[in-house]
Structures are given as structure tokens and as C-alpha cells.
């Protein structure tokens, strides 16, 4: 268990006490972000760093583990490993970033609650990053359409569509939850004649590959490693949002579900039939 995290835990909850250790020689201009994505069955934590002298963002350490949605059992121990491998103290990071959805309801709650606890305990900024926006950094394009898809269960996907032109990203279909055929019949796919085939990634793309090809025979698919959520991608999106003026207020960060959970839907149906 993380020593710093232990100090912040009281009576089974998170206290809002600052735990900070001054580190001589640490550059005031250096930004280090601890990022997490628990939106799927993949548990991923990363520590990324940026300095003013370089436009590049350095990946100090990252884990990407298929944990069968057992995020609560491994999240803090994973954070400890990442920090130890990077040689960085928890209280010396500059900000935190968390994937806020859409995705697994339980996974999102665990990730957001844990990162908000750390943000309040350390008095650090917390940036909430939409899951699908972050996934565009896993496989950015020079040009064309990129379509991250997550399995939303109940025969639906969580998806969005992004157009890249000269490396610049534009979101042309906002986050949605719907059957895959409904997603494929949206306007971004109606004007593909002469354009490069769209690229799909994510577990939803793997699950519905054949149905996607039935509608878009030229569609391309990211390979396995490039189809997984990555905490480093969450950090990249967080840096962009920080540059755009995101205040990093932990109180403003909340999961984005897009729809009711299966349990809520079944409960409403049961209530309607009673």
C-alpha cells in the first residue's frame, strides 16, 4: 500500500489534509501528471512529464493490465508500482487526470472516486478526460476518420467519430450510446466516397468487426495493442486541456454514463410492470 495514501485514509474514507514533501531541485516549470483509465476491463495507470524546453511529453512509467474489471483490488498497488519505477514521490506530482467515461459504470466510479480522493488529499488539480477523446491519442491519424468504440453491453456501443486533417483533430460525432448499425448510419459515414477508409479501435470494434464490415467493407481496424485504453493517452489529453484553460477543479469532475445502467433499466421496467 502507498505510504502517502495511508496517511490520507481515515475511518475508511479520504480526508482533505495536505501531505506534501518539498523536493530540492524540482523545476517549478516541470509538469508531471498521474493518469488513470478504468473505463473498461483494462486497468491502466501512467506517469507523464512535460518541460517547457521540449514540446514532447515523456512517459516515465505505465501499466496496462487486463484485470477483468477488478479495479478496486489493484488500483492503489498499481499506483505504488508506477511511482516506484519512475522514482517519483506521490506528493511531488503536479496534477492528476482520470478518464470519466463513457464506459463501465463500476470502473468509472472507482477511478473517479480514487483520483478525487488523491486530489483532495494532496491538494492537486484533477482533470476529467472523456474516455473516447483520450483514445484518439492511442492511434492518432494524419488524415481521415477515427472511430473509438467501447462495448456498452445490452447490444450497444459507446462511440464517437473524429476527423483528422493535417494531424488536427475535430470531433464530428459526439459521444453516443446506441446499436452498432445506428452508429454506422450517422452522417460522418455518408460522405466517404473518395476518402480514406475509417479506422476503428476499442473492444467494441473487435466485438462488432463483422457487422462493421457488412456496412463499411473498406473499414480498417487497429491492431490489438493499439485498441486498448491507455493512461498515457489520458495524460496527453489532460495536458491539452490544461493548455486550453481547464482549472482542474476536483469538484467539477464526475463520471459520464450517457445512459442508465442495466440494473437501473431493469428496476424501472419492474416498477413499470408492478
Foldseek 3Di string as FASTA:
>chain_A
DAPLVVVQDDPNAGDLAADADDDPPDDPQKAKEWFWEQQEQWTKIWIWIDHPVDPDIHTQFMDTDRNRSPCVVCVVVVVVVRCVSSVHHLLPHAEYEYAQDDGDPVRNVVGLRVRLSSCSNNVHFYHYDHQAQLLCVLPPDQFDKEKEWEDPPPQKIWIWIWTHHRRDIDTPGDTAIGHPVVVCPDDVNPPCVPHQAYEYAAPRCVVCVVVNCVSVVRYHYDDDVSRDGHRVSRVVVVVVVVVVPDPRDSVVRHHDHNDDDPVVVVVVVVVVVD
